[in-house]
C-alpha cells in the first residue's frame, strides 16, 4: 500500500535530526520532494495558485519553528500535511471561500494543466480497465491533464481526499489523521470522488474513441 512517508527520503529520525540541526541540504530535499504535492492539496482550499504558494511557504516556516516540538507520533510527512491543511483552511476562511466541512460545495477553480508534472500516473488509477494504457509521453501528459481537470470539478472535500489518497499515495489512516475525519467519512468521500472522476474520464474516452 502507498504511504505519505515520502519515498526515497531517509528515515524520519534522520530527517528530524537534520532539520533540528538546521541542515539546509535536508530542507532543500524535502522542498523538492513535497512542495508540488503540498501545492495541490493547498489549492483545494484557496482561490488562486498564488494563495496556494503562500500557504506552502507559511507551512514551511511553521515546520521550521515547530520541528523542535515534533513528538514523532506520526510520520514527518503526515505532520507536515496536517500543518499544511490547517494553514490552508485558515487562509481559505480569510478569503471567504472555505466553508465548514458540512457545507462544502463544488467550485469551478481549475488546477493548472501541468500540476501533475512528468511523474507516474496516480497509483489509485493504475489500470482499472476503463481507460487506455498511456503509450508515450504525449498520451501520458494528456491523461494527467484530464485528471487535473476532473479533480477540479469535484467538491473540495472530495478533491482533497482523492488528492491525498490517489495522487500523494497516503493511506486511509494518514488521510483521516491529516484531515481529522472519521474512517467512514474518508471512505464515502473517496468513493464518491473516484466514481465521479472515472465517469468523467470514461465519457471523455467514449467521445473521442475512433470507430473500429
N, C-alpha and C. Protein backbone atom coordinates (compact mmCIF):
# COMPACT_ATOMS: atom_id res chain seq x y z
N UNK A 1 0.84 -1.19 0.00
CA UNK A 1 0.00 0.00 0.00
C UNK A 1 0.88 1.25 0.00
N UNK A 2 0.36 2.37 -0.52
CA UNK A 2 1.10 3.61 -0.55
C UNK A 2 1.14 4.22 0.85
N UNK A 3 1.96 5.22 0.98
CA UNK A 3 2.07 5.89 2.26
C UNK A 3 2.53 7.31 2.04
N UNK A 4 2.11 8.19 2.96
CA UNK A 4 2.57 9.57 2.91
C UNK A 4 4.06 9.68 3.23
N UNK A 5 4.65 8.63 3.78
CA UNK A 5 6.08 8.69 4.08
C UNK A 5 6.83 8.74 2.76
N UNK A 6 7.34 9.92 2.41
CA UNK A 6 7.90 10.15 1.08
C UNK A 6 8.95 9.15 0.69
N UNK A 7 8.76 8.50 -0.44
CA UNK A 7 9.70 7.52 -0.92
C UNK A 7 11.03 8.15 -1.28
N UNK A 8 12.13 7.41 -1.01
CA UNK A 8 13.45 7.88 -1.38
C UNK A 8 14.09 8.79 -0.35
N UNK A 9 13.36 9.16 0.69
CA UNK A 9 13.92 10.01 1.74
C UNK A 9 14.52 9.13 2.85
N UNK A 10 15.45 9.69 3.63
CA UNK A 10 15.98 8.95 4.78
C UNK A 10 14.88 8.67 5.79
N UNK A 11 15.14 7.78 6.77
CA UNK A 11 14.16 7.54 7.83
C UNK A 11 13.80 8.83 8.56
N UNK A 12 12.59 8.86 9.12
CA UNK A 12 12.12 10.07 9.78
C UNK A 12 13.08 10.58 10.85
N UNK A 13 13.68 9.64 11.59
CA UNK A 13 14.58 10.05 12.66
C UNK A 13 15.74 10.88 12.11
N UNK A 14 16.24 10.48 10.94
CA UNK A 14 17.35 11.20 10.31
C UNK A 14 16.88 12.58 9.83
N UNK A 15 15.67 12.60 9.23
CA UNK A 15 15.12 13.87 8.74
C UNK A 15 14.93 14.85 9.89
N UNK A 16 14.33 14.39 10.98
CA UNK A 16 14.05 15.26 12.12
C UNK A 16 15.35 15.79 12.72
N UNK A 17 16.33 14.91 12.90
CA UNK A 17 17.61 15.32 13.47
C UNK A 17 18.28 16.39 12.60
N UNK A 18 18.22 16.18 11.28
CA UNK A 18 18.84 17.13 10.36
C UNK A 18 18.13 18.48 10.40
N UNK A 19 16.79 18.46 10.41
CA UNK A 19 16.04 19.71 10.44
C UNK A 19 16.30 20.46 11.75
N UNK A 20 16.37 19.75 12.85
CA UNK A 20 16.63 20.40 14.14
C UNK A 20 18.03 21.01 14.19
N UNK A 21 18.94 20.43 13.39
CA UNK A 21 20.31 20.94 13.34
C UNK A 21 20.47 22.07 12.31
N UNK A 22 19.36 22.42 11.63
CA UNK A 22 19.42 23.48 10.63
C UNK A 22 20.10 23.05 9.34
N UNK A 23 19.98 21.77 9.01
CA UNK A 23 20.62 21.23 7.80
C UNK A 23 19.89 21.75 6.56
N UNK A 24 20.50 22.69 5.86
CA UNK A 24 19.85 23.28 4.69
C UNK A 24 19.70 22.29 3.54
N UNK A 25 20.63 21.36 3.41
CA UNK A 25 20.55 20.36 2.34
C UNK A 25 19.33 19.47 2.52
N UNK A 26 19.08 19.04 3.76
CA UNK A 26 17.90 18.21 4.02
C UNK A 26 16.62 19.00 3.76
N UNK A 27 16.60 20.26 4.17
CA UNK A 27 15.44 21.10 3.93
C UNK A 27 15.18 21.23 2.44
N UNK A 28 16.24 21.40 1.65
CA UNK A 28 16.09 21.53 0.20
C UNK A 28 15.54 20.25 -0.41
N UNK A 29 15.98 19.10 0.10
CA UNK A 29 15.48 17.82 -0.41
C UNK A 29 13.98 17.69 -0.15
N UNK A 30 13.54 18.05 1.05
CA UNK A 30 12.12 17.99 1.39
C UNK A 30 11.32 18.94 0.51
N UNK A 31 11.84 20.13 0.29
CA UNK A 31 11.16 21.08 -0.59
C UNK A 31 10.97 20.49 -1.97
N UNK A 32 12.02 19.92 -2.53
CA UNK A 32 11.94 19.35 -3.88
C UNK A 32 10.98 18.17 -3.94
N UNK A 33 10.94 17.40 -2.86
CA UNK A 33 10.15 16.17 -2.86
C UNK A 33 8.67 16.42 -2.60
N UNK A 34 8.36 17.37 -1.73
CA UNK A 34 6.99 17.52 -1.25
C UNK A 34 6.25 18.75 -1.74
N UNK A 35 6.95 19.78 -2.19
CA UNK A 35 6.27 21.06 -2.43
C UNK A 35 5.20 20.98 -3.51
N UNK A 36 5.42 20.22 -4.59
CA UNK A 36 4.40 20.11 -5.64
C UNK A 36 3.12 19.51 -5.09
N UNK A 37 3.24 18.43 -4.33
CA UNK A 37 2.06 17.82 -3.74
C UNK A 37 1.38 18.73 -2.74
N UNK A 38 2.17 19.46 -1.97
CA UNK A 38 1.61 20.40 -1.00
C UNK A 38 0.81 21.49 -1.71
N UNK A 39 1.30 21.96 -2.85
CA UNK A 39 0.56 22.96 -3.62
C UNK A 39 -0.78 22.40 -4.08
N UNK A 40 -0.79 21.14 -4.52
CA UNK A 40 -2.05 20.54 -4.97
C UNK A 40 -3.08 20.48 -3.85
N UNK A 41 -2.63 20.07 -2.67
CA UNK A 41 -3.55 19.98 -1.54
C UNK A 41 -4.01 21.37 -1.11
N UNK A 42 -3.09 22.32 -1.02
CA UNK A 42 -3.46 23.68 -0.61
C UNK A 42 -4.47 24.29 -1.57
N UNK A 43 -4.32 23.96 -2.85
CA UNK A 43 -5.20 24.55 -3.88
C UNK A 43 -6.65 24.10 -3.72
N UNK A 44 -6.88 23.03 -2.97
CA UNK A 44 -8.25 22.58 -2.70
C UNK A 44 -8.98 23.53 -1.76
N UNK A 45 -8.24 24.35 -1.05
CA UNK A 45 -8.83 25.20 -0.02
C UNK A 45 -8.84 26.69 -0.37
N UNK A 46 -7.95 27.12 -1.25
CA UNK A 46 -7.81 28.56 -1.51
C UNK A 46 -8.15 28.86 -2.97
N UNK A 47 -8.30 30.14 -3.27
CA UNK A 47 -8.93 30.53 -4.53
C UNK A 47 -7.96 30.74 -5.68
N UNK A 48 -6.67 30.86 -5.42
CA UNK A 48 -5.72 31.11 -6.51
C UNK A 48 -4.45 30.31 -6.31
N UNK A 49 -3.69 30.13 -7.39
CA UNK A 49 -2.40 29.47 -7.29
C UNK A 49 -1.45 30.26 -6.39
N UNK A 50 -1.53 31.59 -6.48
CA UNK A 50 -0.66 32.43 -5.65
C UNK A 50 -0.95 32.20 -4.17
N UNK A 51 -2.22 32.10 -3.82
CA UNK A 51 -2.59 31.84 -2.43
C UNK A 51 -2.04 30.50 -1.97
N UNK A 52 -2.14 29.49 -2.85
CA UNK A 52 -1.62 28.17 -2.51
C UNK A 52 -0.12 28.22 -2.26
N UNK A 53 0.60 28.97 -3.09
CA UNK A 53 2.04 29.12 -2.90
C UNK A 53 2.36 29.76 -1.56
N UNK A 54 1.57 30.76 -1.18
CA UNK A 54 1.80 31.42 0.11
C UNK A 54 1.49 30.48 1.27
N UNK A 55 0.47 29.65 1.11
CA UNK A 55 0.15 28.66 2.14
C UNK A 55 1.32 27.70 2.33
N UNK A 56 1.89 27.24 1.23
CA UNK A 56 3.02 26.32 1.33
C UNK A 56 4.21 27.01 1.99
N UNK A 57 4.48 28.26 1.62
CA UNK A 57 5.58 28.99 2.25
C UNK A 57 5.35 29.15 3.75
N UNK A 58 4.12 29.50 4.13
CA UNK A 58 3.80 29.65 5.56
C UNK A 58 3.94 28.31 6.28
N UNK A 59 3.58 27.22 5.59
CA UNK A 59 3.70 25.90 6.19
C UNK A 59 5.16 25.56 6.48
N UNK A 60 6.04 25.82 5.53
CA UNK A 60 7.46 25.53 5.75
C UNK A 60 8.02 26.36 6.91
N UNK A 61 7.59 27.61 7.01
CA UNK A 61 8.03 28.44 8.14
C UNK A 61 7.55 27.85 9.46
N UNK A 62 6.30 27.36 9.48
CA UNK A 62 5.76 26.75 10.69
C UNK A 62 6.50 25.47 11.04
N UNK A 63 6.93 24.73 10.00
CA UNK A 63 7.69 23.50 10.23
C UNK A 63 9.03 23.81 10.88
N UNK A 64 9.71 24.83 10.36
CA UNK A 64 10.99 25.23 10.93
C UNK A 64 10.82 25.65 12.39
N UNK A 65 9.77 26.43 12.65
CA UNK A 65 9.52 26.91 14.01
C UNK A 65 9.11 25.77 14.95
N UNK A 66 8.42 24.75 14.40
CA UNK A 66 7.83 23.73 15.26
C UNK A 66 8.58 22.42 15.32
N UNK A 67 9.67 22.26 14.57
CA UNK A 67 10.32 20.96 14.48
C UNK A 67 10.87 20.50 15.84
N UNK A 68 11.31 21.43 16.68
CA UNK A 68 11.83 21.03 18.00
C UNK A 68 10.74 20.41 18.87
N UNK A 69 9.48 20.79 18.64
CA UNK A 69 8.39 20.26 19.43
C UNK A 69 7.71 19.04 18.82
N UNK A 70 8.19 18.61 17.63
CA UNK A 70 7.58 17.45 16.96
C UNK A 70 7.88 16.19 17.75
N UNK A 71 6.82 15.48 18.17
CA UNK A 71 6.97 14.33 19.06
C UNK A 71 7.04 13.00 18.31
N UNK A 72 6.97 13.03 16.99
CA UNK A 72 7.11 11.83 16.15
C UNK A 72 6.06 10.76 16.47
N UNK A 73 4.87 11.22 16.81
CA UNK A 73 3.76 10.28 16.98
C UNK A 73 3.18 9.86 15.63
N UNK A 74 3.49 10.61 14.60
CA UNK A 74 3.11 10.28 13.23
C UNK A 74 4.34 10.45 12.35
N UNK A 75 4.22 10.13 11.07
CA UNK A 75 5.34 10.35 10.17
C UNK A 75 5.57 11.84 9.99
N UNK A 76 6.78 12.19 9.58
CA UNK A 76 7.08 13.59 9.34
C UNK A 76 6.14 14.16 8.29
N UNK A 77 5.92 13.41 7.22
CA UNK A 77 5.09 13.95 6.14
C UNK A 77 3.64 14.13 6.59
N UNK A 78 3.12 13.20 7.37
CA UNK A 78 1.77 13.37 7.90
C UNK A 78 1.69 14.63 8.74
N UNK A 79 2.68 14.85 9.58
CA UNK A 79 2.74 16.06 10.41
C UNK A 79 2.79 17.31 9.54
N UNK A 80 3.63 17.28 8.51
CA UNK A 80 3.75 18.43 7.60
C UNK A 80 2.42 18.72 6.92
N UNK A 81 1.75 17.67 6.43
CA UNK A 81 0.49 17.87 5.72
C UNK A 81 -0.62 18.31 6.66
N UNK A 82 -0.55 17.91 7.91
CA UNK A 82 -1.54 18.38 8.89
C UNK A 82 -1.39 19.89 9.07
N UNK A 83 -0.13 20.36 9.21
CA UNK A 83 0.11 21.79 9.31
C UNK A 83 -0.36 22.50 8.04
N UNK A 84 -0.07 21.90 6.90
CA UNK A 84 -0.47 22.48 5.61
C UNK A 84 -1.98 22.66 5.53
N UNK A 85 -2.73 21.62 5.85
CA UNK A 85 -4.19 21.68 5.75
C UNK A 85 -4.75 22.73 6.70
N UNK A 86 -4.25 22.78 7.93
CA UNK A 86 -4.74 23.77 8.88
C UNK A 86 -4.42 25.19 8.41
N UNK A 87 -3.22 25.37 7.84
CA UNK A 87 -2.84 26.68 7.31
C UNK A 87 -3.72 27.06 6.13
N UNK A 88 -3.98 26.09 5.24
CA UNK A 88 -4.79 26.35 4.06
C UNK A 88 -6.23 26.67 4.45
N UNK A 89 -6.76 25.96 5.44
CA UNK A 89 -8.13 26.23 5.89
C UNK A 89 -8.26 27.66 6.40
N UNK A 90 -7.29 28.08 7.22
CA UNK A 90 -7.34 29.44 7.77
C UNK A 90 -7.26 30.47 6.65
N UNK A 91 -6.39 30.22 5.67
CA UNK A 91 -6.27 31.15 4.55
C UNK A 91 -7.57 31.19 3.76
N UNK A 92 -8.18 30.01 3.55
CA UNK A 92 -9.43 29.96 2.81
C UNK A 92 -10.55 30.71 3.49
N UNK A 93 -10.60 30.62 4.83
CA UNK A 93 -11.61 31.36 5.58
C UNK A 93 -11.41 32.86 5.38
N UNK A 94 -10.15 33.29 5.42
CA UNK A 94 -9.87 34.72 5.22
C UNK A 94 -10.30 35.17 3.83
N UNK A 95 -10.24 34.26 2.87
CA UNK A 95 -10.68 34.61 1.52
C UNK A 95 -12.19 34.48 1.36
N UNK A 96 -12.87 34.09 2.43
CA UNK A 96 -14.32 33.88 2.40
C UNK A 96 -14.72 32.85 1.35
N UNK A 97 -13.83 31.88 1.16
CA UNK A 97 -14.12 30.83 0.18
C UNK A 97 -14.42 29.51 0.87
N UNK A 98 -13.63 29.16 1.88
CA UNK A 98 -13.80 27.88 2.55
C UNK A 98 -14.96 27.95 3.52
N UNK A 99 -15.85 26.98 3.47
CA UNK A 99 -16.98 26.87 4.38
C UNK A 99 -16.75 25.70 5.32
N UNK A 100 -17.55 25.58 6.38
CA UNK A 100 -17.41 24.41 7.25
C UNK A 100 -17.54 23.12 6.45
N UNK A 101 -16.91 22.05 6.93
CA UNK A 101 -16.93 20.76 6.22
C UNK A 101 -18.34 20.36 5.80
N UNK A 102 -19.30 20.62 6.68
CA UNK A 102 -20.65 20.14 6.43
C UNK A 102 -21.33 20.86 5.28
N UNK A 103 -20.80 22.03 4.88
CA UNK A 103 -21.47 22.79 3.84
C UNK A 103 -20.62 22.99 2.60
N UNK A 104 -19.52 22.25 2.47
CA UNK A 104 -18.69 22.39 1.28
C UNK A 104 -19.50 22.08 0.03
N UNK A 105 -19.30 22.86 -1.00
CA UNK A 105 -19.94 22.61 -2.28
C UNK A 105 -18.92 22.59 -3.38
N UNK A 106 -19.39 22.40 -4.62
CA UNK A 106 -18.49 22.36 -5.76
C UNK A 106 -17.98 23.75 -6.08
N UNK A 107 -16.82 23.81 -6.71
CA UNK A 107 -16.33 25.09 -7.20
C UNK A 107 -15.67 24.85 -8.55
N UNK A 108 -15.51 25.92 -9.29
CA UNK A 108 -15.02 25.77 -10.65
C UNK A 108 -13.58 26.14 -10.85
N UNK A 109 -12.82 26.31 -9.76
CA UNK A 109 -11.44 26.72 -9.91
C UNK A 109 -10.60 25.56 -10.43
N UNK A 110 -9.93 25.70 -11.58
CA UNK A 110 -9.16 24.59 -12.14
C UNK A 110 -7.76 24.51 -11.57
N UNK A 111 -7.22 23.28 -11.54
CA UNK A 111 -5.79 23.12 -11.36
C UNK A 111 -5.10 23.58 -12.63
N UNK A 112 -3.85 23.99 -12.48
CA UNK A 112 -3.07 24.24 -13.68
C UNK A 112 -2.88 22.92 -14.41
N UNK A 113 -2.97 22.90 -15.76
CA UNK A 113 -2.84 21.65 -16.50
C UNK A 113 -1.55 20.91 -16.21
N UNK A 114 -0.48 21.60 -15.87
CA UNK A 114 0.78 20.94 -15.60
C UNK A 114 0.98 20.57 -14.15
N UNK A 115 -0.07 20.64 -13.36
CA UNK A 115 0.09 20.47 -11.92
C UNK A 115 0.58 19.09 -11.53
N UNK A 116 0.37 18.11 -12.37
CA UNK A 116 0.74 16.76 -12.01
C UNK A 116 2.12 16.38 -12.51
N UNK A 117 2.79 17.31 -13.23
CA UNK A 117 4.19 17.10 -13.57
C UNK A 117 4.42 15.90 -14.45
N UNK A 118 5.69 15.54 -14.65
CA UNK A 118 6.03 14.46 -15.57
C UNK A 118 6.08 13.10 -14.92
N UNK A 119 5.72 13.00 -13.66
CA UNK A 119 5.88 11.75 -12.92
C UNK A 119 4.85 10.71 -13.33
N UNK A 120 4.83 9.57 -12.60
CA UNK A 120 3.90 8.48 -12.92
C UNK A 120 2.47 8.88 -12.69
N UNK A 121 1.57 8.17 -13.29
CA UNK A 121 0.15 8.42 -13.08
C UNK A 121 -0.24 8.00 -11.68
N UNK A 122 -1.31 8.58 -11.13
CA UNK A 122 -1.72 8.23 -9.77
C UNK A 122 -1.91 6.73 -9.61
N UNK A 123 -1.32 6.17 -8.55
CA UNK A 123 -1.36 4.73 -8.36
C UNK A 123 -2.75 4.19 -8.18
N UNK A 124 -3.67 5.00 -7.61
CA UNK A 124 -5.01 4.51 -7.37
C UNK A 124 -5.77 4.22 -8.65
N UNK A 125 -5.28 4.74 -9.77
CA UNK A 125 -5.97 4.53 -11.03
C UNK A 125 -5.07 3.82 -12.04
N UNK A 126 -4.23 2.92 -11.54
CA UNK A 126 -3.22 2.31 -12.40
C UNK A 126 -3.77 1.64 -13.64
N UNK A 127 -4.70 0.72 -13.48
CA UNK A 127 -5.24 0.03 -14.65
C UNK A 127 -6.63 -0.49 -14.33
N UNK A 128 -7.60 0.41 -14.13
CA UNK A 128 -8.93 -0.01 -13.72
C UNK A 128 -9.77 -0.58 -14.86
N UNK A 129 -9.26 -0.54 -16.09
CA UNK A 129 -9.98 -1.13 -17.19
C UNK A 129 -10.93 -0.20 -17.90
N UNK A 130 -10.98 1.08 -17.46
CA UNK A 130 -11.94 1.98 -18.11
C UNK A 130 -11.24 3.10 -18.86
N UNK A 131 -9.94 3.00 -19.10
CA UNK A 131 -9.28 3.93 -19.99
C UNK A 131 -8.09 3.23 -20.62
N UNK A 132 -7.58 3.73 -21.72
CA UNK A 132 -6.46 3.06 -22.38
C UNK A 132 -5.17 3.26 -21.61
N UNK A 133 -4.29 2.29 -21.70
CA UNK A 133 -2.99 2.44 -21.08
C UNK A 133 -2.18 3.48 -21.85
N UNK A 134 -1.64 4.49 -21.16
CA UNK A 134 -0.89 5.51 -21.88
C UNK A 134 0.30 4.93 -22.64
N UNK A 135 0.47 5.34 -23.86
CA UNK A 135 1.59 4.88 -24.69
C UNK A 135 2.36 6.11 -25.14
N UNK A 136 3.48 6.38 -24.48
CA UNK A 136 4.28 7.54 -24.86
C UNK A 136 3.96 8.75 -24.00
N UNK A 137 4.87 9.69 -24.04
CA UNK A 137 4.77 10.86 -23.19
C UNK A 137 3.56 11.74 -23.52
N UNK A 138 3.22 11.85 -24.80
CA UNK A 138 2.13 12.74 -25.19
C UNK A 138 0.81 12.28 -24.57
N UNK A 139 0.51 10.98 -24.68
CA UNK A 139 -0.74 10.47 -24.13
C UNK A 139 -0.71 10.53 -22.60
N UNK A 140 0.44 10.23 -22.01
CA UNK A 140 0.55 10.30 -20.55
C UNK A 140 0.28 11.72 -20.06
N UNK A 141 0.81 12.70 -20.78
CA UNK A 141 0.58 14.10 -20.41
C UNK A 141 -0.89 14.45 -20.56
N UNK A 142 -1.53 13.93 -21.62
CA UNK A 142 -2.96 14.19 -21.82
C UNK A 142 -3.77 13.63 -20.67
N UNK A 143 -3.42 12.42 -20.23
CA UNK A 143 -4.16 11.79 -19.14
C UNK A 143 -4.00 12.60 -17.86
N UNK A 144 -2.78 13.07 -17.58
CA UNK A 144 -2.57 13.87 -16.37
C UNK A 144 -3.40 15.16 -16.42
N UNK A 145 -3.46 15.77 -17.60
CA UNK A 145 -4.26 16.98 -17.74
C UNK A 145 -5.74 16.69 -17.49
N UNK A 146 -6.23 15.57 -18.03
CA UNK A 146 -7.62 15.20 -17.84
C UNK A 146 -7.92 14.94 -16.36
N UNK A 147 -6.99 14.28 -15.67
CA UNK A 147 -7.18 14.02 -14.25
C UNK A 147 -7.25 15.33 -13.48
N UNK A 148 -6.33 16.25 -13.80
CA UNK A 148 -6.33 17.55 -13.12
C UNK A 148 -7.65 18.27 -13.33
N UNK A 149 -8.16 18.25 -14.57
CA UNK A 149 -9.43 18.91 -14.86
C UNK A 149 -10.58 18.23 -14.15
N UNK A 150 -10.53 16.89 -14.08
CA UNK A 150 -11.60 16.16 -13.40
C UNK A 150 -11.59 16.46 -11.90
N UNK A 151 -10.41 16.48 -11.30
CA UNK A 151 -10.33 16.78 -9.87
C UNK A 151 -10.84 18.18 -9.56
N UNK A 152 -10.58 19.12 -10.47
CA UNK A 152 -11.01 20.50 -10.25
C UNK A 152 -12.53 20.62 -10.23
N UNK A 153 -13.23 19.63 -10.81
CA UNK A 153 -14.69 19.69 -10.84
C UNK A 153 -15.33 19.13 -9.57
N UNK A 154 -14.53 18.51 -8.72
CA UNK A 154 -15.07 17.90 -7.51
C UNK A 154 -15.32 18.93 -6.42
N UNK A 155 -16.26 18.64 -5.52
CA UNK A 155 -16.39 19.46 -4.31
C UNK A 155 -15.07 19.40 -3.53
N UNK A 156 -14.69 20.45 -2.84
CA UNK A 156 -13.40 20.48 -2.16
C UNK A 156 -13.14 19.32 -1.22
N UNK A 157 -14.13 18.87 -0.47
CA UNK A 157 -13.92 17.76 0.46
C UNK A 157 -13.48 16.51 -0.28
N UNK A 158 -14.17 16.22 -1.39
CA UNK A 158 -13.80 15.04 -2.17
C UNK A 158 -12.45 15.24 -2.84
N UNK A 159 -12.21 16.45 -3.32
CA UNK A 159 -10.96 16.72 -4.05
C UNK A 159 -9.74 16.51 -3.17
N UNK A 160 -9.79 17.00 -1.93
CA UNK A 160 -8.61 16.88 -1.08
C UNK A 160 -8.39 15.43 -0.66
N UNK A 161 -9.47 14.66 -0.45
CA UNK A 161 -9.31 13.26 -0.07
C UNK A 161 -8.72 12.44 -1.22
N UNK A 162 -9.24 12.61 -2.42
CA UNK A 162 -8.71 11.83 -3.54
C UNK A 162 -7.30 12.29 -3.91
N UNK A 163 -7.00 13.57 -3.72
CA UNK A 163 -5.64 14.06 -3.98
C UNK A 163 -4.66 13.40 -3.02
N UNK A 164 -5.01 13.36 -1.74
CA UNK A 164 -4.12 12.74 -0.77
C UNK A 164 -3.98 11.23 -1.00
N UNK A 165 -5.08 10.56 -1.29
CA UNK A 165 -5.04 9.11 -1.42
C UNK A 165 -4.40 8.67 -2.74
N UNK A 166 -4.92 9.16 -3.86
CA UNK A 166 -4.55 8.61 -5.16
C UNK A 166 -3.44 9.36 -5.87
N UNK A 167 -3.21 10.61 -5.49
CA UNK A 167 -2.12 11.36 -6.12
C UNK A 167 -0.89 11.37 -5.22
N UNK A 168 -1.11 11.63 -3.92
CA UNK A 168 0.01 11.69 -2.99
C UNK A 168 0.36 10.34 -2.38
N UNK A 169 -0.52 9.34 -2.53
CA UNK A 169 -0.21 8.00 -2.07
C UNK A 169 -0.36 7.77 -0.58
N UNK A 170 -1.14 8.61 0.10
CA UNK A 170 -1.35 8.44 1.53
C UNK A 170 -2.29 7.27 1.80
N UNK A 171 -2.14 6.65 2.95
CA UNK A 171 -3.06 5.60 3.35
C UNK A 171 -4.34 6.23 3.91
N UNK A 172 -5.36 5.41 4.08
CA UNK A 172 -6.62 5.93 4.63
C UNK A 172 -6.41 6.46 6.05
N UNK A 173 -5.61 5.75 6.85
CA UNK A 173 -5.35 6.21 8.22
C UNK A 173 -4.65 7.57 8.22
N UNK A 174 -3.71 7.74 7.31
CA UNK A 174 -2.98 9.01 7.23
C UNK A 174 -3.92 10.15 6.84
N UNK A 175 -4.82 9.88 5.88
CA UNK A 175 -5.76 10.91 5.45
C UNK A 175 -6.69 11.30 6.60
N UNK A 176 -7.17 10.31 7.34
CA UNK A 176 -8.03 10.60 8.49
C UNK A 176 -7.30 11.47 9.50
N UNK A 177 -6.01 11.19 9.71
CA UNK A 177 -5.23 11.97 10.67
C UNK A 177 -4.98 13.38 10.16
N UNK A 178 -4.63 13.51 8.88
CA UNK A 178 -4.34 14.82 8.31
C UNK A 178 -5.58 15.71 8.33
N UNK A 179 -6.72 15.14 7.92
CA UNK A 179 -7.94 15.93 7.76
C UNK A 179 -8.83 15.92 9.01
N UNK A 180 -8.47 15.07 9.98
CA UNK A 180 -9.26 14.94 11.21
C UNK A 180 -10.70 14.56 10.89
N UNK A 181 -10.84 13.51 10.10
CA UNK A 181 -12.16 12.97 9.76
C UNK A 181 -12.20 11.49 10.13
N UNK A 182 -13.41 10.93 10.18
CA UNK A 182 -13.55 9.52 10.53
C UNK A 182 -13.21 8.63 9.34
N UNK A 183 -12.92 7.37 9.63
CA UNK A 183 -12.63 6.41 8.56
C UNK A 183 -13.83 6.26 7.63
N UNK A 184 -15.03 6.25 8.21
CA UNK A 184 -16.23 6.10 7.38
C UNK A 184 -16.40 7.30 6.46
N UNK A 185 -16.17 8.49 6.97
CA UNK A 185 -16.29 9.70 6.16
C UNK A 185 -15.26 9.67 5.03
N UNK A 186 -14.04 9.28 5.36
CA UNK A 186 -12.99 9.20 4.35
C UNK A 186 -13.37 8.24 3.23
N UNK A 187 -13.92 7.08 3.60
CA UNK A 187 -14.31 6.09 2.58
C UNK A 187 -15.40 6.62 1.67
N UNK A 188 -16.40 7.28 2.24
CA UNK A 188 -17.50 7.83 1.45
C UNK A 188 -17.00 8.89 0.49
N UNK A 189 -16.19 9.82 1.00
CA UNK A 189 -15.67 10.90 0.15
C UNK A 189 -14.80 10.35 -0.97
N UNK A 190 -13.96 9.38 -0.65
CA UNK A 190 -13.08 8.80 -1.67
C UNK A 190 -13.89 8.04 -2.73
N UNK A 191 -14.88 7.28 -2.28
CA UNK A 191 -15.70 6.53 -3.23
C UNK A 191 -16.43 7.47 -4.18
N UNK A 192 -17.02 8.51 -3.64
CA UNK A 192 -17.76 9.46 -4.48
C UNK A 192 -16.81 10.16 -5.46
N UNK A 193 -15.62 10.53 -4.98
CA UNK A 193 -14.66 11.21 -5.85
C UNK A 193 -14.19 10.30 -6.97
N UNK A 194 -13.82 9.06 -6.62
CA UNK A 194 -13.34 8.13 -7.64
C UNK A 194 -14.43 7.82 -8.66
N UNK A 195 -15.65 7.65 -8.17
CA UNK A 195 -16.75 7.35 -9.08
C UNK A 195 -16.96 8.49 -10.06
N UNK A 196 -16.93 9.73 -9.56
CA UNK A 196 -17.13 10.89 -10.43
C UNK A 196 -16.01 11.02 -11.45
N UNK A 197 -14.77 10.89 -10.99
CA UNK A 197 -13.62 11.04 -11.90
C UNK A 197 -13.63 9.94 -12.96
N UNK A 198 -13.88 8.72 -12.56
CA UNK A 198 -13.93 7.62 -13.52
C UNK A 198 -15.03 7.86 -14.56
N UNK A 199 -16.17 8.34 -14.09
CA UNK A 199 -17.27 8.61 -15.02
C UNK A 199 -16.92 9.68 -16.03
N UNK A 200 -16.30 10.76 -15.57
CA UNK A 200 -15.91 11.84 -16.48
C UNK A 200 -14.87 11.38 -17.48
N UNK A 201 -13.89 10.60 -17.02
CA UNK A 201 -12.84 10.13 -17.93
C UNK A 201 -13.40 9.13 -18.92
N UNK A 202 -14.30 8.25 -18.45
CA UNK A 202 -14.91 7.29 -19.36
C UNK A 202 -15.73 8.01 -20.43
N UNK A 203 -16.47 9.04 -20.03
CA UNK A 203 -17.25 9.81 -21.01
C UNK A 203 -16.32 10.46 -22.03
N UNK A 204 -15.18 10.97 -21.55
CA UNK A 204 -14.24 11.61 -22.48
C UNK A 204 -13.73 10.61 -23.49
N UNK A 205 -13.28 9.45 -23.03
CA UNK A 205 -12.71 8.48 -23.96
C UNK A 205 -13.77 7.90 -24.90
N UNK A 206 -15.00 7.77 -24.41
CA UNK A 206 -16.08 7.34 -25.29
C UNK A 206 -16.30 8.36 -26.40
N UNK A 207 -16.15 9.65 -26.06
CA UNK A 207 -16.43 10.70 -27.03
C UNK A 207 -15.33 10.82 -28.09
N UNK A 208 -14.13 10.40 -27.75
CA UNK A 208 -13.01 10.54 -28.71
C UNK A 208 -12.62 9.22 -29.34
N UNK A 209 -13.25 8.12 -28.92
CA UNK A 209 -12.87 6.82 -29.45
C UNK A 209 -13.12 6.75 -30.95
N UNK A 210 -12.16 6.30 -31.68
CA UNK A 210 -12.29 6.18 -33.13
C UNK A 210 -13.05 4.90 -33.47
N UNK A 211 -13.91 4.95 -34.49
CA UNK A 211 -14.61 3.74 -34.88
C UNK A 211 -13.64 2.69 -35.40
N UNK A 212 -13.91 1.41 -35.05
CA UNK A 212 -13.03 0.33 -35.49
C UNK A 212 -13.28 0.01 -36.95
